[in-house]
Amino acid sequence: GSGINAEYGGSVLPQQRVTSVTSLFYLAAALQQMKHYAQAVEKLHEALLLIDKEKQPQHVTITESDIRWLLYQCYYALCDFDNALTSLESINPKSRSVRFYMALGNLYKQQGIERSAVSCYK
Protein backbone atom coordinates (compact mmCIF):
# COMPACT_ATOMS: atom_id res chain seq x y z
CA GLY A 1 0.00 0.00 0.00
CA SER A 2 0.93 3.61 -0.08
CA GLY A 3 0.80 4.22 3.67
CA ILE A 4 3.28 6.17 5.72
CA ASN A 5 5.65 3.19 5.95
CA ALA A 6 5.97 3.01 2.18
CA GLU A 7 6.72 6.72 1.99
CA TYR A 8 9.61 6.45 4.45
CA GLY A 9 11.19 3.23 3.28
CA GLY A 10 9.68 1.04 6.00
CA SER A 11 10.55 3.44 8.80
CA VAL A 12 7.97 5.28 10.86
CA LEU A 13 10.11 8.41 10.70
CA PRO A 14 11.17 10.72 7.93
CA GLN A 15 14.92 10.45 7.39
CA GLN A 16 15.48 14.03 8.49
CA ARG A 17 18.22 14.52 11.08
CA VAL A 18 17.09 15.57 14.56
CA THR A 19 19.89 17.28 16.45
CA SER A 20 18.65 18.68 19.76
CA VAL A 21 18.41 16.75 23.04
CA THR A 22 14.87 17.98 23.65
CA SER A 23 13.66 17.02 20.17
CA LEU A 24 15.33 13.60 20.39
CA PHE A 25 13.78 12.98 23.81
CA TYR A 26 10.25 13.87 22.73
CA LEU A 27 10.66 11.95 19.47
CA ALA A 28 11.77 8.90 21.49
CA ALA A 29 8.82 9.33 23.86
CA ALA A 30 6.44 9.39 20.89
CA LEU A 31 8.09 6.30 19.42
CA GLN A 32 7.77 4.55 22.78
CA GLN A 33 4.06 5.38 22.91
CA MET A 34 3.67 3.86 19.43
CA LYS A 35 5.56 0.76 20.67
CA HIS A 36 8.54 1.38 18.36
CA TYR A 37 10.94 0.66 21.21
CA ALA A 38 14.08 -0.11 19.19
CA GLN A 39 13.82 3.19 17.30
CA ALA A 40 13.19 5.01 20.58
CA VAL A 41 16.34 3.44 22.08
CA GLU A 42 18.33 4.67 19.08
CA LYS A 43 17.09 8.26 19.53
CA LEU A 44 17.71 8.16 23.30
CA HIS A 45 21.32 7.07 22.75
CA GLU A 46 21.75 9.98 20.34
CA ALA A 47 20.33 12.31 23.01
CA LEU A 48 22.78 10.95 25.61
CA LEU A 49 25.68 11.67 23.26
CA LEU A 50 24.48 15.25 22.83
CA ILE A 51 23.43 16.11 26.37
CA ASP A 52 26.89 17.05 27.59
CA LYS A 53 27.72 19.01 24.45
CA GLU A 54 24.49 20.98 24.16
CA LYS A 55 23.77 23.96 26.37
CA GLN A 56 20.03 23.71 26.88
CA PRO A 57 17.90 26.80 27.37
CA GLN A 58 16.99 27.56 31.00
CA HIS A 59 13.32 26.61 30.53
CA VAL A 60 14.18 23.15 29.18
CA THR A 61 14.38 20.54 31.89
CA ILE A 62 15.26 17.31 30.06
CA THR A 63 17.95 15.69 32.19
CA GLU A 64 20.21 12.73 31.68
CA SER A 65 18.10 10.95 34.30
CA ASP A 66 14.93 11.56 32.23
CA ILE A 67 16.62 10.07 29.20
CA ARG A 68 17.92 7.05 31.12
CA TRP A 69 14.46 6.43 32.69
CA LEU A 70 12.81 6.36 29.25
CA LEU A 71 15.66 4.15 28.01
CA TYR A 72 14.94 1.74 30.89
CA GLN A 73 11.25 1.65 29.94
CA CYS A 74 12.05 0.87 26.30
CA TYR A 75 14.57 -1.85 27.14
CA TYR A 76 12.10 -3.36 29.61
CA ALA A 77 9.39 -3.43 26.93
CA LEU A 78 11.88 -5.17 24.61
CA CYS A 79 12.57 -7.75 27.39
CA ASP A 80 16.22 -6.63 27.36
CA PHE A 81 16.52 -6.74 31.14
CA ASP A 82 20.32 -6.45 31.27
CA ASN A 83 20.26 -3.11 29.42
CA ALA A 84 17.19 -2.03 31.41
CA LEU A 85 19.16 -2.66 34.61
CA THR A 86 22.23 -0.85 33.28
CA SER A 87 20.05 2.15 32.35
CA LEU A 88 18.61 2.36 35.87
CA GLU A 89 21.93 1.77 37.64
CA SER A 90 23.50 4.63 35.67
CA ILE A 91 20.96 7.19 36.93
CA ASN A 92 22.63 9.70 39.24
CA PRO A 93 21.92 8.72 42.89
CA LYS A 94 20.82 12.31 43.63
CA SER A 95 18.08 11.98 40.98
CA ARG A 96 16.65 8.70 42.24
CA SER A 97 13.00 8.65 43.34
CA VAL A 98 10.69 6.12 44.98
CA ARG A 99 9.51 5.14 41.47
CA PHE A 100 13.15 4.49 40.56
CA TYR A 101 13.82 2.27 43.58
CA MET A 102 10.64 0.23 42.97
CA ALA A 103 11.63 -0.36 39.33
CA LEU A 104 15.22 -1.22 40.28
CA GLY A 105 14.02 -3.56 43.05
CA ASN A 106 11.65 -5.32 40.64
CA LEU A 107 14.44 -5.77 38.09
CA TYR A 108 16.84 -7.13 40.71
CA LYS A 109 14.13 -9.52 41.91
CA GLN A 110 13.43 -10.64 38.34
CA GLN A 111 17.16 -11.26 37.81
CA GLY A 112 17.37 -13.28 41.04
CA ILE A 113 19.48 -10.67 42.86
CA GLU A 114 17.44 -10.90 46.07
CA ARG A 115 19.69 -8.97 48.50
CA SER A 116 19.89 -5.92 46.21
CA ALA A 117 16.13 -6.13 45.59
CA VAL A 118 15.38 -6.06 49.32
CA SER A 119 17.63 -3.03 49.87
CA CYS A 120 15.74 -1.14 47.13
CA TYR A 121 12.41 -1.75 48.83
CA LYS A 122 13.58 -0.41 52.23
C-alpha atoms as a PDB file:
ATOM      1  CA  GLY A   1       0.000   0.000   0.000  1.00  0.00           C
ATOM      2  CA  SER A   2       0.934   3.606  -0.084  1.00  0.00           C
ATOM      3  CA  GLY A   3       0.805   4.221   3.665  1.00  0.00           C
ATOM      4  CA  ILE A   4       3.278   6.170   5.725  1.00  0.00           C
ATOM      5  CA  ASN A   5       5.654   3.194   5.947  1.00  0.00           C
ATOM      6  CA  ALA A   6       5.972   3.011   2.182  1.00  0.00           C
ATOM      7  CA  GLU A   7       6.725   6.723   1.993  1.00  0.00           C
ATOM      8  CA  TYR A   8       9.612   6.447   4.453  1.00  0.00           C
ATOM      9  CA  GLY A   9      11.194   3.232   3.279  1.00  0.00           C
ATOM     10  CA  GLY A  10       9.682   1.039   5.997  1.00  0.00           C
ATOM     11  CA  SER A  11      10.552   3.442   8.804  1.00  0.00           C
ATOM     12  CA  VAL A  12       7.965   5.284  10.855  1.00  0.00           C
ATOM     13  CA  LEU A  13      10.108   8.408  10.703  1.00  0.00           C
ATOM     14  CA  PRO A  14      11.170  10.720   7.929  1.00  0.00           C
ATOM     15  CA  GLN A  15      14.918  10.448   7.391  1.00  0.00           C
ATOM     16  CA  GLN A  16      15.477  14.033   8.487  1.00  0.00           C
ATOM     17  CA  ARG A  17      18.222  14.518  11.079  1.00  0.00           C
ATOM     18  CA  VAL A  18      17.094  15.568  14.564  1.00  0.00           C
ATOM     19  CA  THR A  19      19.888  17.282  16.447  1.00  0.00           C
ATOM     20  CA  SER A  20      18.648  18.676  19.765  1.00  0.00           C
ATOM     21  CA  VAL A  21      18.414  16.749  23.037  1.00  0.00           C
ATOM     22  CA  THR A  22      14.866  17.977  23.648  1.00  0.00           C
ATOM     23  CA  SER A  23      13.660  17.015  20.174  1.00  0.00           C
ATOM     24  CA  LEU A  24      15.329  13.600  20.389  1.00  0.00           C
ATOM     25  CA  PHE A  25      13.780  12.976  23.813  1.00  0.00           C
ATOM     26  CA  TYR A  26      10.252  13.869  22.726  1.00  0.00           C
ATOM     27  CA  LEU A  27      10.659  11.949  19.474  1.00  0.00           C
ATOM     28  CA  ALA A  28      11.768   8.902  21.487  1.00  0.00           C
ATOM     29  CA  ALA A  29       8.820   9.332  23.862  1.00  0.00           C
ATOM     30  CA  ALA A  30       6.439   9.391  20.891  1.00  0.00           C
ATOM     31  CA  LEU A  31       8.091   6.298  19.420  1.00  0.00           C
ATOM     32  CA  GLN A  32       7.769   4.549  22.775  1.00  0.00           C
ATOM     33  CA  GLN A  33       4.063   5.376  22.914  1.00  0.00           C
ATOM     34  CA  MET A  34       3.673   3.864  19.428  1.00  0.00           C
ATOM     35  CA  LYS A  35       5.564   0.763  20.670  1.00  0.00           C
ATOM     36  CA  HIS A  36       8.544   1.383  18.357  1.00  0.00           C
ATOM     37  CA  TYR A  37      10.942   0.660  21.209  1.00  0.00           C
ATOM     38  CA  ALA A  38      14.080  -0.110  19.191  1.00  0.00           C
ATOM     39  CA  GLN A  39      13.825   3.187  17.299  1.00  0.00           C
ATOM     40  CA  ALA A  40      13.187   5.010  20.585  1.00  0.00           C
ATOM     41  CA  VAL A  41      16.338   3.443  22.082  1.00  0.00           C
ATOM     42  CA  GLU A  42      18.335   4.669  19.081  1.00  0.00           C
ATOM     43  CA  LYS A  43      17.091   8.259  19.530  1.00  0.00           C
ATOM     44  CA  LEU A  44      17.711   8.160  23.296  1.00  0.00           C
ATOM     45  CA  HIS A  45      21.322   7.068  22.754  1.00  0.00           C
ATOM     46  CA  GLU A  46      21.746   9.980  20.336  1.00  0.00           C
ATOM     47  CA  ALA A  47      20.327  12.307  23.011  1.00  0.00           C
ATOM     48  CA  LEU A  48      22.784  10.953  25.607  1.00  0.00           C
ATOM     49  CA  LEU A  49      25.685  11.667  23.263  1.00  0.00           C
ATOM     50  CA  LEU A  50      24.476  15.253  22.826  1.00  0.00           C
ATOM     51  CA  ILE A  51      23.428  16.106  26.368  1.00  0.00           C
ATOM     52  CA  ASP A  52      26.893  17.050  27.588  1.00  0.00           C
ATOM     53  CA  LYS A  53      27.722  19.013  24.448  1.00  0.00           C
ATOM     54  CA  GLU A  54      24.488  20.976  24.164  1.00  0.00           C
ATOM     55  CA  LYS A  55      23.773  23.964  26.372  1.00  0.00           C
ATOM     56  CA  GLN A  56      20.028  23.705  26.879  1.00  0.00           C
ATOM     57  CA  PRO A  57      17.895  26.803  27.374  1.00  0.00           C
ATOM     58  CA  GLN A  58      16.989  27.558  30.999  1.00  0.00           C
ATOM     59  CA  HIS A  59      13.316  26.613  30.531  1.00  0.00           C
ATOM     60  CA  VAL A  60      14.181  23.150  29.180  1.00  0.00           C
ATOM     61  CA  THR A  61      14.382  20.541  31.887  1.00  0.00           C
ATOM     62  CA  ILE A  62      15.256  17.308  30.064  1.00  0.00           C
ATOM     63  CA  THR A  63      17.951  15.695  32.195  1.00  0.00           C
ATOM     64  CA  GLU A  64      20.210  12.729  31.676  1.00  0.00           C
ATOM     65  CA  SER A  65      18.096  10.946  34.299  1.00  0.00           C
ATOM     66  CA  ASP A  66      14.935  11.557  32.232  1.00  0.00           C
ATOM     67  CA  ILE A  67      16.625  10.066  29.197  1.00  0.00           C
ATOM     68  CA  ARG A  68      17.922   7.052  31.124  1.00  0.00           C
ATOM     69  CA  TRP A  69      14.465   6.425  32.690  1.00  0.00           C
ATOM     70  CA  LEU A  70      12.812   6.362  29.246  1.00  0.00           C
ATOM     71  CA  LEU A  71      15.657   4.147  28.009  1.00  0.00           C
ATOM     72  CA  TYR A  72      14.945   1.738  30.887  1.00  0.00           C
ATOM     73  CA  GLN A  73      11.246   1.647  29.938  1.00  0.00           C
ATOM     74  CA  CYS A  74      12.047   0.869  26.300  1.00  0.00           C
ATOM     75  CA  TYR A  75      14.572  -1.849  27.145  1.00  0.00           C
ATOM     76  CA  TYR A  76      12.101  -3.361  29.606  1.00  0.00           C
ATOM     77  CA  ALA A  77       9.394  -3.425  26.927  1.00  0.00           C
ATOM     78  CA  LEU A  78      11.882  -5.172  24.611  1.00  0.00           C
ATOM     79  CA  CYS A  79      12.567  -7.750  27.392  1.00  0.00           C
ATOM     80  CA  ASP A  80      16.216  -6.634  27.363  1.00  0.00           C
ATOM     81  CA  PHE A  81      16.515  -6.741  31.137  1.00  0.00           C
ATOM     82  CA  ASP A  82      20.324  -6.448  31.269  1.00  0.00           C
ATOM     83  CA  ASN A  83      20.263  -3.111  29.424  1.00  0.00           C
ATOM     84  CA  ALA A  84      17.195  -2.030  31.409  1.00  0.00           C
ATOM     85  CA  LEU A  85      19.157  -2.662  34.608  1.00  0.00           C
ATOM     86  CA  THR A  86      22.225  -0.849  33.277  1.00  0.00           C
ATOM     87  CA  SER A  87      20.054   2.145  32.354  1.00  0.00           C
ATOM     88  CA  LEU A  88      18.612   2.359  35.871  1.00  0.00           C
ATOM     89  CA  GLU A  89      21.926   1.775  37.636  1.00  0.00           C
ATOM     90  CA  SER A  90      23.500   4.628  35.673  1.00  0.00           C
ATOM     91  CA  ILE A  91      20.963   7.192  36.927  1.00  0.00           C
ATOM     92  CA  ASN A  92      22.634   9.698  39.240  1.00  0.00           C
ATOM     93  CA  PRO A  93      21.918   8.724  42.890  1.00  0.00           C
ATOM     94  CA  LYS A  94      20.820  12.314  43.628  1.00  0.00           C
ATOM     95  CA  SER A  95      18.080  11.979  40.978  1.00  0.00           C
ATOM     96  CA  ARG A  96      16.648   8.697  42.236  1.00  0.00           C
ATOM     97  CA  SER A  97      13.005   8.649  43.337  1.00  0.00           C
ATOM     98  CA  VAL A  98      10.687   6.118  44.977  1.00  0.00           C
ATOM     99  CA  ARG A  99       9.510   5.136  41.473  1.00  0.00           C
ATOM    100  CA  PHE A 100      13.146   4.487  40.555  1.00  0.00           C
ATOM    101  CA  TYR A 101      13.816   2.268  43.582  1.00  0.00           C
ATOM    102  CA  MET A 102      10.644   0.235  42.969  1.00  0.00           C
ATOM    103  CA  ALA A 103      11.633  -0.356  39.334  1.00  0.00           C
ATOM    104  CA  LEU A 104      15.217  -1.220  40.275  1.00  0.00           C
ATOM    105  CA  GLY A 105      14.025  -3.556  43.047  1.00  0.00           C
ATOM    106  CA  ASN A 106      11.653  -5.316  40.643  1.00  0.00           C
ATOM    107  CA  LEU A 107      14.442  -5.769  38.089  1.00  0.00           C
ATOM    108  CA  TYR A 108      16.841  -7.134  40.710  1.00  0.00           C
ATOM    109  CA  LYS A 109      14.134  -9.523  41.909  1.00  0.00           C
ATOM    110  CA  GLN A 110      13.430 -10.635  38.343  1.00  0.00           C
ATOM    111  CA  GLN A 111      17.157 -11.260  37.807  1.00  0.00           C
ATOM    112  CA  GLY A 112      17.374 -13.277  41.042  1.00  0.00           C
ATOM    113  CA  ILE A 113      19.481 -10.674  42.865  1.00  0.00           C
ATOM    114  CA  GLU A 114      17.444 -10.903  46.072  1.00  0.00           C
ATOM    115  CA  ARG A 115      19.693  -8.970  48.495  1.00  0.00           C
ATOM    116  CA  SER A 116      19.886  -5.921  46.208  1.00  0.00           C
ATOM    117  CA  ALA A 117      16.129  -6.125  45.587  1.00  0.00           C
ATOM    118  CA  VAL A 118      15.382  -6.063  49.317  1.00  0.00           C
ATOM    119  CA  SER A 119      17.627  -3.027  49.870  1.00  0.00           C
ATOM    120  CA  CYS A 120      15.742  -1.143  47.130  1.00  0.00           C
ATOM    121  CA  TYR A 121      12.405  -1.748  48.829  1.00  0.00           C
ATOM    122  CA  LYS A 122      13.582  -0.415  52.226  1.00  0.00           C
END
